[in-house]
N, C-alpha and C. Protein backbone atom coordinates (compact mmCIF):
# COMPACT_ATOMS: atom_id res chain seq x y z
N SER A 1 116.51 92.27 76.50
CA SER A 1 115.62 92.80 77.51
C SER A 1 115.25 94.26 76.83
N ASN A 2 116.07 94.95 76.81
CA ASN A 2 116.01 96.36 76.03
C ASN A 2 115.21 96.54 75.08
N GLU A 3 115.51 95.87 74.33
CA GLU A 3 114.61 95.75 72.91
C GLU A 3 113.27 95.20 73.58
N GLY A 4 112.78 94.25 74.16
CA GLY A 4 111.59 94.20 74.47
C GLY A 4 110.43 95.36 74.70
N GLY A 5 111.34 96.13 75.68
CA GLY A 5 111.03 97.23 77.02
C GLY A 5 110.45 98.32 75.76
N ALA A 6 111.13 98.40 74.95
CA ALA A 6 111.51 99.54 74.08
C ALA A 6 109.76 99.87 73.53
N PRO A 7 109.51 99.03 72.70
CA PRO A 7 108.39 99.06 72.14
C PRO A 7 107.17 99.09 73.23
N ALA A 8 106.98 98.63 74.60
CA ALA A 8 106.06 98.68 75.18
C ALA A 8 106.36 100.50 75.88
N ASN A 9 107.40 100.85 76.44
CA ASN A 9 107.69 102.13 76.82
C ASN A 9 106.63 103.26 75.79
N ASN A 10 107.15 103.08 74.08
CA ASN A 10 106.65 103.68 73.34
C ASN A 10 105.05 104.05 73.46
N LYS A 11 104.72 102.07 73.81
CA LYS A 11 103.24 102.13 73.76
C LYS A 11 102.81 102.96 74.67
N ASN A 12 103.40 102.35 76.03
CA ASN A 12 102.81 103.40 77.08
C ASN A 12 102.40 105.03 77.09
N LYS A 13 103.72 105.66 76.03
CA LYS A 13 103.78 106.83 76.03
C LYS A 13 102.44 107.43 75.19
N ALA A 14 102.45 106.52 74.49
CA ALA A 14 101.34 106.75 73.21
C ALA A 14 100.04 106.44 73.85
N GLY A 15 99.94 105.64 74.80
CA GLY A 15 98.40 105.49 75.45
C GLY A 15 98.52 106.58 76.55
N ARG A 16 99.55 107.09 76.92
CA ARG A 16 98.88 108.14 77.90
C ARG A 16 98.81 109.58 77.06
N ALA A 17 99.21 109.61 75.94
CA ALA A 17 99.35 110.29 75.10
C ALA A 17 98.01 110.45 75.01
N ASN A 18 97.32 109.67 74.11
CA ASN A 18 96.11 109.70 73.84
C ASN A 18 95.12 109.65 75.07
N ASP A 19 95.48 109.09 76.45
CA ASP A 19 94.31 109.69 78.00
C ASP A 19 94.45 110.79 77.64
N ASN A 20 95.77 111.58 77.73
CA ASN A 20 95.25 113.31 78.05
C ASN A 20 94.71 113.84 76.84
N SER A 21 95.20 113.47 75.64
CA SER A 21 94.01 113.36 74.70
C SER A 21 92.57 113.64 74.89
N ASN A 22 92.35 113.01 75.00
CA ASN A 22 90.68 112.42 75.76
C ASN A 22 90.34 113.22 76.91
N ASN A 23 91.42 113.46 77.71
CA ASN A 23 91.01 114.50 78.99
C ASN A 23 90.70 115.43 78.07
N SER A 24 92.09 116.33 77.91
CA SER A 24 92.12 117.47 76.95
C SER A 24 90.82 117.68 76.54
N ASN A 25 90.18 116.81 75.93
CA ASN A 25 88.98 116.99 74.94
C ASN A 25 87.44 117.02 76.05
N ASN A 26 87.96 115.90 76.46
CA ASN A 26 86.77 115.98 78.14
C ASN A 26 87.13 117.36 78.79
N ASN A 27 87.77 117.91 78.64
CA ASN A 27 88.25 119.21 79.59
C ASN A 27 87.95 120.47 78.71
N ASN A 28 87.69 120.20 77.19
CA ASN A 28 87.08 120.85 76.60
C ASN A 28 85.43 121.38 76.84
N LYS A 29 85.09 119.86 76.81
CA LYS A 29 83.22 120.05 76.17
C LYS A 29 82.56 120.40 77.58
N LYS A 30 83.78 120.43 78.69
CA LYS A 30 83.36 120.40 80.01
C LYS A 30 83.22 121.74 80.37
N LYS A 31 83.98 122.36 79.80
CA LYS A 31 84.29 124.30 80.10
C LYS A 31 83.46 124.91 79.09
N GLN A 32 83.02 124.47 78.05
CA GLN A 32 82.34 125.25 77.11
C GLN A 32 81.00 125.86 77.85
N PRO A 33 80.99 127.00 77.94
CA PRO A 33 79.38 127.68 78.55
C PRO A 33 78.23 126.97 78.22
N PRO A 34 77.32 126.84 79.50
CA PRO A 34 76.25 126.08 79.40
C PRO A 34 74.91 127.50 78.57
N LYS A 35 74.29 126.98 78.27
CA LYS A 35 73.72 127.72 76.94
C LYS A 35 72.48 128.35 78.34
N GLN A 36 72.73 129.90 77.89
CA GLN A 36 71.97 130.77 78.24
C GLN A 36 70.43 130.50 78.50
N LYS A 37 69.83 130.23 79.42
CA LYS A 37 67.75 130.20 79.47
C LYS A 37 68.18 131.34 78.99
N GLN A 38 66.94 131.92 78.23
CA GLN A 38 65.99 133.23 78.15
C GLN A 38 65.48 133.37 79.18
N GLN A 39 65.90 134.56 79.81
CA GLN A 39 65.29 135.09 81.31
C GLN A 39 64.19 135.51 80.94
N PRO A 40 63.00 135.86 81.83
CA PRO A 40 61.37 136.24 81.05
C PRO A 40 61.66 137.34 81.80
N ALA A 41 61.00 138.20 80.89
CA ALA A 41 61.00 139.35 81.04
C ALA A 41 61.01 140.32 82.33
N GLY A 42 61.60 141.42 82.85
CA GLY A 42 61.02 141.93 84.11
C GLY A 42 60.08 143.18 83.97
N PRO A 43 59.66 143.71 85.00
CA PRO A 43 58.30 143.91 84.91
C PRO A 43 58.74 145.85 84.20
N ASN A 44 57.38 145.56 83.07
CA ASN A 44 57.66 146.63 82.67
C ASN A 44 57.11 148.34 83.61
N HIS A 45 58.22 149.04 84.03
CA HIS A 45 57.89 149.97 84.59
C HIS A 45 56.98 151.48 83.62
N ASP A 46 57.18 151.11 82.44
CA ASP A 46 56.95 152.46 81.54
C ASP A 46 55.59 152.01 81.45
N GLN A 47 55.16 151.47 81.56
CA GLN A 47 53.05 151.33 81.29
C GLN A 47 52.66 152.14 82.36
N PRO A 48 51.44 152.70 82.31
CA PRO A 48 50.86 153.43 83.42
C PRO A 48 50.24 152.64 84.52
N GLU A 49 50.09 153.07 85.68
CA GLU A 49 50.24 152.34 86.86
C GLU A 49 49.14 150.95 86.60
N ILE A 50 47.95 151.88 86.64
CA ILE A 50 46.37 150.79 86.55
C ILE A 50 46.87 149.47 85.35
N CYS A 51 47.72 149.61 84.25
CA CYS A 51 48.25 148.47 83.90
C CYS A 51 48.97 147.54 84.72
N MET A 52 49.41 147.95 85.69
CA MET A 52 50.73 146.80 86.82
C MET A 52 49.63 145.98 87.59
N LEU A 53 48.60 146.43 87.43
CA LEU A 53 47.23 145.55 88.18
C LEU A 53 46.64 145.09 87.37
N GLU A 54 46.18 143.40 88.06
CA GLU A 54 45.40 142.81 87.35
C GLU A 54 43.74 142.65 88.33
N PHE A 55 42.76 143.17 87.15
CA PHE A 55 42.06 143.18 87.54
C PHE A 55 40.88 141.57 86.86
N LYS A 56 40.13 141.10 87.24
CA LYS A 56 39.48 139.62 86.93
C LYS A 56 38.12 139.95 87.22
N VAL A 57 37.38 139.84 86.56
CA VAL A 57 36.04 139.01 86.79
C VAL A 57 35.68 137.67 87.49
N GLY A 58 34.69 138.25 88.34
CA GLY A 58 34.86 136.82 89.27
C GLY A 58 33.26 136.98 89.86
N LYS A 59 32.66 135.67 90.91
CA LYS A 59 31.56 135.98 90.97
C LYS A 59 31.48 135.14 92.43
N ILE A 60 31.07 135.71 93.42
CA ILE A 60 30.80 135.14 94.83
C ILE A 60 30.30 134.09 94.95
N VAL A 61 30.81 132.82 95.65
CA VAL A 61 29.76 131.44 94.99
C VAL A 61 29.21 131.14 96.73
N LYS A 62 30.22 131.81 97.40
CA LYS A 62 30.67 131.91 99.05
C LYS A 62 30.45 132.52 100.07
N VAL A 63 29.60 133.14 101.01
CA VAL A 63 29.87 134.32 102.03
C VAL A 63 29.32 134.07 103.07
N TRP A 64 30.35 134.79 104.08
CA TRP A 64 29.76 134.14 105.80
C TRP A 64 30.42 135.00 106.11
N VAL A 65 29.81 135.32 107.53
CA VAL A 65 30.07 136.62 108.34
C VAL A 65 31.60 136.44 109.23
N HIS A 66 32.58 137.51 108.98
CA HIS A 66 33.08 136.59 109.84
C HIS A 66 33.48 137.44 111.01
N PRO A 67 33.59 136.27 111.61
CA PRO A 67 33.08 136.20 113.29
C PRO A 67 34.45 136.75 114.29
N ASP A 68 35.03 137.41 113.84
CA ASP A 68 35.51 138.51 114.82
C ASP A 68 35.88 139.89 114.40
N ALA A 69 35.04 140.30 113.42
CA ALA A 69 35.22 141.51 113.05
C ALA A 69 33.55 142.08 112.26
N ASP A 70 33.13 143.15 113.19
CA ASP A 70 31.75 143.80 112.45
C ASP A 70 31.81 144.39 111.39
N LYS A 71 32.63 144.39 110.76
CA LYS A 71 32.22 144.69 109.39
C LYS A 71 32.35 144.21 108.29
N LEU A 72 33.59 142.84 108.55
CA LEU A 72 33.81 141.86 107.55
C LEU A 72 33.07 140.94 106.70
N TYR A 73 32.80 140.67 105.43
CA TYR A 73 32.38 139.57 105.08
C TYR A 73 33.53 138.62 104.89
N CYS A 74 33.27 137.16 104.79
CA CYS A 74 34.40 136.32 104.12
C CYS A 74 33.68 135.74 103.07
N GLU A 75 34.54 135.92 101.77
CA GLU A 75 34.07 135.53 100.28
C GLU A 75 34.85 134.78 100.16
N GLU A 76 34.02 133.59 98.99
CA GLU A 76 35.06 132.46 98.30
C GLU A 76 34.18 132.91 96.73
N ILE A 77 35.31 133.54 96.25
CA ILE A 77 34.90 134.05 94.53
C ILE A 77 35.34 133.68 93.46
N ASP A 78 34.89 133.13 92.71
CA ASP A 78 35.22 132.05 91.45
C ASP A 78 36.25 133.30 90.39
N VAL A 79 37.44 133.19 90.38
CA VAL A 79 37.27 134.22 89.01
C VAL A 79 38.44 133.29 87.97
N GLY A 80 37.99 131.81 87.93
CA GLY A 80 38.46 131.44 86.89
C GLY A 80 39.57 130.45 86.87
N GLU A 81 39.87 130.16 87.93
CA GLU A 81 41.35 129.45 88.73
C GLU A 81 40.90 128.34 89.32
N ASP A 82 41.89 127.53 89.35
CA ASP A 82 41.65 125.86 89.69
C ASP A 82 40.95 126.05 91.00
N SER A 83 40.52 126.99 91.98
CA SER A 83 39.75 127.10 93.35
C SER A 83 39.19 128.45 93.56
N PRO A 84 38.06 128.87 93.86
CA PRO A 84 37.72 129.65 94.39
C PRO A 84 38.98 130.81 95.46
N ARG A 85 39.20 131.78 95.23
CA ARG A 85 39.70 132.77 96.04
C ARG A 85 39.28 133.17 97.53
N GLN A 86 39.73 132.91 98.56
CA GLN A 86 39.58 133.48 99.95
C GLN A 86 39.49 134.95 100.11
N ILE A 87 38.65 135.98 100.10
CA ILE A 87 38.66 136.92 99.82
C ILE A 87 37.91 137.75 101.15
N ALA A 88 38.54 138.62 101.86
CA ALA A 88 37.69 140.10 103.27
C ALA A 88 37.34 141.05 102.88
N SER A 89 36.04 141.31 102.80
CA SER A 89 35.90 142.66 102.46
C SER A 89 34.94 143.44 103.06
N GLY A 90 35.21 144.30 103.81
CA GLY A 90 34.56 145.26 104.35
C GLY A 90 32.93 145.94 104.66
N LEU A 91 32.29 145.30 103.85
CA LEU A 91 31.19 145.48 102.94
C LEU A 91 29.90 144.96 103.98
N ARG A 92 30.03 144.96 105.16
CA ARG A 92 28.52 144.44 105.85
C ARG A 92 27.89 145.69 106.19
N PRO A 93 28.29 146.85 106.49
CA PRO A 93 26.96 148.13 106.80
C PRO A 93 26.16 148.23 105.21
N HIS A 94 26.63 147.61 103.91
CA HIS A 94 26.26 147.90 102.83
C HIS A 94 25.45 147.08 102.38
N PHE A 95 25.70 145.42 102.28
CA PHE A 95 25.09 144.70 101.70
C PHE A 95 24.54 142.96 102.67
N THR A 96 23.39 143.31 102.20
CA THR A 96 22.74 141.64 102.93
C THR A 96 23.36 140.34 102.40
N GLU A 97 23.91 139.68 103.25
CA GLU A 97 24.67 137.96 102.57
C GLU A 97 23.83 137.23 101.19
N GLU A 98 22.85 138.04 101.45
CA GLU A 98 21.72 137.29 99.99
C GLU A 98 22.04 138.09 99.18
N GLN A 99 22.27 139.38 99.33
CA GLN A 99 23.08 140.24 98.00
C GLN A 99 24.46 140.18 97.48
N MET A 100 24.94 139.64 98.38
CA MET A 100 26.65 139.02 98.38
C MET A 100 26.60 137.90 97.04
N LEU A 101 25.99 136.88 97.59
CA LEU A 101 25.78 135.80 97.12
C LEU A 101 25.44 135.83 95.65
N GLY A 102 26.18 135.41 94.67
CA GLY A 102 26.26 135.24 93.38
C GLY A 102 26.39 136.86 92.55
N GLN A 103 26.99 137.43 93.09
CA GLN A 103 27.11 138.95 92.62
C GLN A 103 28.24 138.63 91.82
N ARG A 104 28.12 139.18 90.80
CA ARG A 104 29.12 139.58 89.85
C ARG A 104 30.16 140.86 89.90
N LEU A 105 31.96 140.82 89.82
CA LEU A 105 32.05 141.83 90.18
C LEU A 105 33.79 141.84 89.76
N LEU A 106 34.53 142.43 90.03
CA LEU A 106 36.19 142.68 89.49
C LEU A 106 36.73 142.59 91.34
N VAL A 107 37.65 142.00 90.84
CA VAL A 107 38.68 141.40 91.92
C VAL A 107 40.28 142.15 91.47
N VAL A 108 40.90 142.54 92.53
CA VAL A 108 42.03 143.22 92.05
C VAL A 108 42.85 141.58 92.73
N SER A 109 43.94 140.88 91.65
CA SER A 109 44.00 139.87 91.93
C SER A 109 45.23 139.50 92.03
N ASN A 110 46.14 140.90 91.67
CA ASN A 110 47.76 140.06 92.00
C ASN A 110 47.70 141.22 93.34
N LEU A 111 47.17 141.56 94.05
CA LEU A 111 47.65 142.17 95.70
C LEU A 111 48.56 141.33 96.19
N LYS A 112 49.46 141.56 97.48
CA LYS A 112 49.98 140.14 98.35
C LYS A 112 48.94 140.15 99.01
N ALA A 113 48.48 138.20 99.28
CA ALA A 113 47.70 138.51 100.63
C ALA A 113 47.81 139.01 101.97
N LYS A 114 46.78 139.00 102.73
CA LYS A 114 47.03 139.77 104.08
C LYS A 114 46.18 139.30 104.81
N ASN A 115 46.07 139.06 105.83
CA ASN A 115 45.68 138.75 107.10
C ASN A 115 44.60 139.69 107.73
N LEU A 116 43.20 139.68 107.46
CA LEU A 116 42.31 140.78 107.82
C LEU A 116 41.90 139.75 109.01
N VAL A 117 42.17 139.84 110.46
CA VAL A 117 41.53 139.92 111.63
C VAL A 117 41.17 138.60 111.77
N GLY A 118 42.73 137.68 111.38
CA GLY A 118 42.63 136.56 111.07
C GLY A 118 42.20 135.34 110.00
N PHE A 119 42.05 136.29 109.13
CA PHE A 119 41.40 135.60 108.06
C PHE A 119 42.03 135.98 106.67
N LYS A 120 42.82 135.25 105.86
CA LYS A 120 43.71 135.74 104.68
C LYS A 120 42.94 135.51 103.73
N SER A 121 43.53 136.97 103.36
CA SER A 121 42.71 137.33 102.22
C SER A 121 43.50 137.50 101.03
N HIS A 122 42.87 136.63 99.85
CA HIS A 122 43.86 136.79 98.83
C HIS A 122 43.13 137.89 98.10
N GLY A 123 43.43 139.28 97.36
CA GLY A 123 43.11 140.01 96.72
C GLY A 123 41.57 141.25 97.25
N MET A 124 40.84 141.27 96.58
CA MET A 124 40.15 142.72 96.74
C MET A 124 38.88 143.22 95.72
N VAL A 125 38.07 143.11 96.49
CA VAL A 125 36.86 143.03 95.53
C VAL A 125 36.74 144.81 95.04
N LEU A 126 36.15 145.04 94.50
CA LEU A 126 36.26 146.68 93.26
C LEU A 126 34.91 147.42 93.79
N CYS A 127 34.95 148.44 94.60
CA CYS A 127 33.66 148.97 94.79
C CYS A 127 33.88 150.30 94.23
N ALA A 128 32.95 151.14 94.35
CA ALA A 128 32.18 153.08 94.41
C ALA A 128 31.88 153.21 95.42
N ALA A 129 32.26 154.21 95.68
CA ALA A 129 31.25 154.98 96.92
C ALA A 129 31.42 156.91 96.38
N ALA A 130 29.90 156.67 96.91
CA ALA A 130 29.68 158.48 96.98
C ALA A 130 28.84 158.96 98.38
N PRO A 131 28.90 160.24 98.62
CA PRO A 131 27.72 160.75 99.53
C PRO A 131 26.24 160.20 99.37
N ASN A 132 25.98 159.54 100.86
CA ASN A 132 24.73 159.92 100.42
C ASN A 132 24.08 161.10 100.42
N SER A 133 23.02 161.60 99.73
CA SER A 133 22.60 162.70 99.33
C SER A 133 22.14 163.63 100.36
N ASP A 134 21.74 162.79 101.80
CA ASP A 134 21.39 163.27 102.97
C ASP A 134 22.76 163.32 103.98
N CYS A 135 23.55 163.61 103.13
CA CYS A 135 24.79 163.12 104.27
C CYS A 135 25.27 162.21 105.53
N SER A 136 24.18 161.41 105.53
CA SER A 136 24.19 159.96 106.31
C SER A 136 25.47 159.06 105.55
N GLY A 137 26.52 158.92 105.87
CA GLY A 137 27.40 158.31 105.54
C GLY A 137 27.95 157.89 104.02
N GLU A 138 27.67 157.06 103.64
CA GLU A 138 27.64 156.57 101.78
C GLU A 138 27.39 155.52 101.55
N LYS A 139 26.89 155.48 100.17
CA LYS A 139 26.38 154.63 99.31
C LYS A 139 27.29 153.83 98.54
N VAL A 140 27.53 152.52 98.69
CA VAL A 140 28.64 152.04 98.32
C VAL A 140 27.80 150.97 96.63
N GLU A 141 28.76 150.69 96.04
CA GLU A 141 28.10 149.67 94.75
C GLU A 141 29.24 148.72 94.09
N PHE A 142 28.74 147.68 93.81
CA PHE A 142 29.44 147.10 93.31
C PHE A 142 30.37 147.53 91.82
N VAL A 143 31.34 147.22 91.42
CA VAL A 143 31.69 147.66 90.28
C VAL A 143 31.65 146.48 89.36
N GLU A 144 30.58 146.60 88.29
CA GLU A 144 30.10 145.38 87.71
C GLU A 144 30.81 144.46 85.96
N PRO A 145 31.27 143.87 85.65
CA PRO A 145 31.24 143.57 84.38
C PRO A 145 30.14 143.27 83.60
N PRO A 146 29.83 143.17 82.52
CA PRO A 146 28.89 143.14 81.72
C PRO A 146 28.55 141.55 81.70
N GLU A 147 27.10 141.19 81.40
CA GLU A 147 26.72 140.01 81.61
C GLU A 147 27.37 139.24 80.07
N GLY A 148 28.30 139.57 79.36
CA GLY A 148 29.21 139.02 78.38
C GLY A 148 30.50 138.40 78.56
N ALA A 149 31.23 138.97 79.66
CA ALA A 149 32.15 139.27 80.63
C ALA A 149 32.49 137.70 81.29
N GLU A 150 33.59 136.65 80.73
CA GLU A 150 33.39 135.20 81.29
C GLU A 150 34.46 135.52 82.56
N ILE A 151 33.66 134.58 83.25
CA ILE A 151 35.00 134.25 84.88
C ILE A 151 35.77 134.22 84.29
N GLY A 152 36.69 135.01 84.81
CA GLY A 152 38.39 134.71 84.81
C GLY A 152 38.92 135.91 83.64
N GLU A 153 37.91 136.36 83.02
CA GLU A 153 38.49 137.62 82.21
C GLU A 153 39.48 138.36 82.61
N ILE A 154 40.70 139.09 82.20
CA ILE A 154 41.48 140.08 82.67
C ILE A 154 40.79 141.36 81.77
N ILE A 155 40.59 142.47 82.89
CA ILE A 155 40.08 143.52 82.19
C ILE A 155 41.43 144.33 81.56
N THR A 156 40.44 144.80 80.49
CA THR A 156 41.72 145.88 80.24
C THR A 156 41.53 147.26 79.87
N PHE A 157 42.09 148.35 79.55
CA PHE A 157 41.70 149.82 79.37
C PHE A 157 41.82 150.40 78.61
N GLU A 158 40.49 151.12 78.08
CA GLU A 158 40.79 151.81 76.62
C GLU A 158 41.56 152.90 76.65
N GLY A 159 42.07 152.34 75.34
CA GLY A 159 42.69 153.61 75.05
C GLY A 159 44.61 153.56 75.52
N LEU A 160 44.43 152.33 76.61
CA LEU A 160 45.97 152.14 76.99
C LEU A 160 46.53 150.94 76.02
N PRO A 161 47.98 150.90 76.18
CA PRO A 161 48.40 148.96 75.94
C PRO A 161 47.82 147.95 76.82
N LYS A 162 48.26 146.55 76.60
CA LYS A 162 47.59 145.52 77.26
C LYS A 162 48.24 145.56 78.43
N PRO A 163 47.60 145.50 79.70
CA PRO A 163 48.52 145.17 81.17
C PRO A 163 49.52 144.32 80.98
N GLU A 164 50.40 144.25 81.47
CA GLU A 164 51.38 143.74 82.03
C GLU A 164 51.82 143.29 83.36
N PRO A 165 50.65 143.14 84.37
CA PRO A 165 50.26 142.82 85.71
C PRO A 165 52.00 142.76 86.40
N PHE A 166 52.18 143.35 87.44
CA PHE A 166 53.09 142.97 87.99
C PHE A 166 53.03 141.93 89.38
N ALA A 167 54.17 141.26 89.38
CA ALA A 167 54.48 140.12 90.69
C ALA A 167 53.47 141.45 91.83
N PRO A 168 52.56 140.12 93.03
CA PRO A 168 52.49 141.12 94.32
C PRO A 168 53.65 141.62 95.30
N ASN A 169 54.54 140.88 94.90
CA ASN A 169 55.59 141.59 96.08
C ASN A 169 55.82 143.03 95.34
N GLN A 170 56.04 143.03 93.96
CA GLN A 170 56.27 144.17 93.18
C GLN A 170 55.16 145.14 93.27
N VAL A 171 53.76 144.92 93.55
CA VAL A 171 52.67 145.69 93.65
C VAL A 171 53.10 146.39 94.86
N GLU A 172 53.14 145.22 96.01
CA GLU A 172 53.38 145.99 97.44
C GLU A 172 54.81 146.88 97.58
N LYS A 173 55.93 146.77 96.97
CA LYS A 173 57.04 147.50 97.06
C LYS A 173 56.75 148.78 96.41
N LYS A 174 56.16 148.86 95.04
CA LYS A 174 56.45 149.83 94.43
C LYS A 174 55.19 150.50 94.97
N LYS A 175 54.45 150.08 96.04
CA LYS A 175 52.96 151.03 96.39
C LYS A 175 52.36 151.31 95.37
N VAL A 176 52.21 150.41 93.83
CA VAL A 176 51.41 150.38 92.89
C VAL A 176 50.12 150.79 92.91
N TRP A 177 49.16 149.77 93.98
CA TRP A 177 47.57 150.06 94.27
C TRP A 177 47.43 151.49 94.95
N LEU A 178 48.07 152.24 95.47
CA LEU A 178 48.21 153.38 95.77
C LEU A 178 48.01 154.49 95.17
N LYS A 179 48.98 154.16 94.22
CA LYS A 179 49.24 155.40 93.30
C LYS A 179 48.26 155.10 92.22
N ALA A 180 47.60 153.94 91.95
CA ALA A 180 47.03 153.87 90.64
C ALA A 180 45.24 154.38 91.36
N ALA A 181 45.05 154.18 92.48
CA ALA A 181 43.87 154.16 93.32
C ALA A 181 43.61 156.04 93.19
N GLU A 182 44.62 156.81 92.95
CA GLU A 182 44.51 158.40 92.93
C GLU A 182 43.61 158.74 91.56
N GLY A 183 43.60 157.69 90.41
CA GLY A 183 42.84 158.61 89.48
C GLY A 183 41.75 157.65 89.02
N MET A 184 41.30 156.92 89.51
CA MET A 184 40.41 155.64 89.42
C MET A 184 38.69 156.16 90.35
N LYS A 185 37.99 156.76 89.35
CA LYS A 185 36.90 156.94 89.43
C LYS A 185 35.14 156.73 88.63
N THR A 186 34.28 156.58 88.84
CA THR A 186 33.73 156.45 88.00
C THR A 186 33.45 157.45 86.99
N THR A 187 32.60 157.82 85.82
CA THR A 187 32.20 158.58 85.21
C THR A 187 31.05 159.13 85.31
N ASP A 188 30.44 160.31 84.57
CA ASP A 188 29.33 160.58 84.57
C ASP A 188 28.15 159.78 84.58
N ASP A 189 28.52 158.96 83.16
CA ASP A 189 27.23 157.71 82.65
C ASP A 189 27.75 156.54 83.78
N CYS A 190 28.85 156.47 84.97
CA CYS A 190 28.54 155.01 85.85
C CYS A 190 29.62 154.13 85.11
N GLN A 191 30.79 154.51 84.23
CA GLN A 191 31.40 153.41 83.79
C GLN A 191 32.80 153.28 84.90
N ALA A 192 33.15 152.84 85.30
CA ALA A 192 34.27 152.74 85.98
C ALA A 192 35.55 152.63 84.66
N ALA A 193 36.66 153.75 85.41
CA ALA A 193 37.54 154.34 84.67
C ALA A 193 38.88 154.75 85.61
N TRP A 194 39.78 154.86 84.92
CA TRP A 194 41.31 155.52 85.63
C TRP A 194 41.67 156.62 84.47
N ASN A 195 41.29 157.82 85.16
CA ASN A 195 42.28 159.02 84.67
C ASN A 195 41.55 159.22 83.29
N GLY A 196 40.08 158.43 83.06
CA GLY A 196 39.11 158.56 81.92
C GLY A 196 39.21 157.07 80.97
N HIS A 197 40.08 156.48 81.42
CA HIS A 197 40.07 155.45 80.97
C HIS A 197 39.27 154.32 81.05
N VAL A 198 38.43 153.80 80.39
CA VAL A 198 37.00 153.03 80.93
C VAL A 198 38.31 151.51 81.27
N PHE A 199 37.22 151.18 82.01
CA PHE A 199 37.67 149.54 82.44
C PHE A 199 36.53 148.66 81.05
N MET A 200 37.26 147.83 80.69
CA MET A 200 36.69 147.13 79.48
C MET A 200 36.96 145.60 79.31
N THR A 201 35.88 145.32 79.06
CA THR A 201 36.26 143.09 78.56
C THR A 201 35.24 143.31 77.23
N THR A 202 35.85 141.89 77.25
CA THR A 202 35.20 141.37 75.79
C THR A 202 33.37 141.74 75.48
N GLY A 203 33.07 142.19 76.38
CA GLY A 203 31.61 141.96 76.18
C GLY A 203 31.06 143.47 76.80
N GLY A 204 31.71 144.66 76.70
CA GLY A 204 31.73 145.54 77.13
C GLY A 204 32.15 146.12 78.12
N PRO A 205 32.12 147.45 78.41
CA PRO A 205 32.73 148.38 79.54
C PRO A 205 32.22 147.79 81.23
N CYS A 206 32.77 148.17 82.11
CA CYS A 206 32.46 147.86 83.47
C CYS A 206 32.03 148.88 84.03
N ARG A 207 30.94 149.06 85.01
CA ARG A 207 30.26 149.62 85.51
C ARG A 207 29.69 149.50 87.00
N THR A 208 29.07 150.43 87.24
CA THR A 208 28.05 150.68 88.80
C THR A 208 26.62 150.85 88.22
N LYS A 209 25.56 150.08 89.09
CA LYS A 209 24.48 150.79 89.50
C LYS A 209 23.98 152.39 88.36
N THR A 210 24.52 152.72 89.82
CA THR A 210 23.90 154.59 89.79
C THR A 210 25.05 155.59 90.40
N ILE A 211 25.81 154.86 90.74
CA ILE A 211 27.20 155.81 91.08
C ILE A 211 28.19 156.19 90.01
N ALA A 212 27.59 157.76 90.04
CA ALA A 212 29.02 158.45 88.82
C ALA A 212 29.51 159.57 89.66
N THR A 213 30.54 159.59 89.06
CA THR A 213 31.90 160.49 89.57
C THR A 213 32.41 160.18 90.95
N GLY A 214 31.94 158.39 91.24
CA GLY A 214 32.34 157.96 92.58
C GLY A 214 33.88 157.10 92.49
N VAL A 215 34.32 157.59 94.05
CA VAL A 215 35.73 156.82 94.60
C VAL A 215 35.67 155.39 94.22
N MET A 216 36.36 154.94 93.32
CA MET A 216 36.51 153.83 93.10
C MET A 216 37.84 153.25 94.06
N ARG A 217 37.58 151.90 94.62
CA ARG A 217 38.14 151.29 96.13
C ARG A 217 37.94 149.83 96.11
């Protein structure tokens, strides 16, 4: 009986050894660190503030009066995305609905959405303003892209690196809009600029109709 049992024991030991070896191999496989996924690059803080913002060429495709705010229009603006953006603008004192509808303009498209008197606004339209000659308030005009610029095109800035826009939360947290706005005004020949760097599209510069050296907002 002993003679018959020995080989079986050895066989069992060998089996256990093989099992342990397999387990060890399996454990080694499990312990290998997972391949690191390439992390997306973080926001580029070394670029000028204006390059942290995203300006897109857009067109107003629908406009209506905000029911609960005297100065606000509600708009749907095509900026080349899957659906138009809904944006509210305080432009009722300056433009009729007929003037608004179909207007080509620039949209600041990476601002955090905000509720404006109950209407969620996903961005901002860019205008320039200057005092009226008779000091009775101010004149406001759209910053307009040239005809050759396509809807959805992202604005670049003459003499500056290609923009790397921040995420909306970062724009809000770092107060990017407030910092960039300090340098935004039209040039002597009505071109939109930031500290002298002109807002450019593939079709040429963006500009107002008549407002020179006006504050852009």
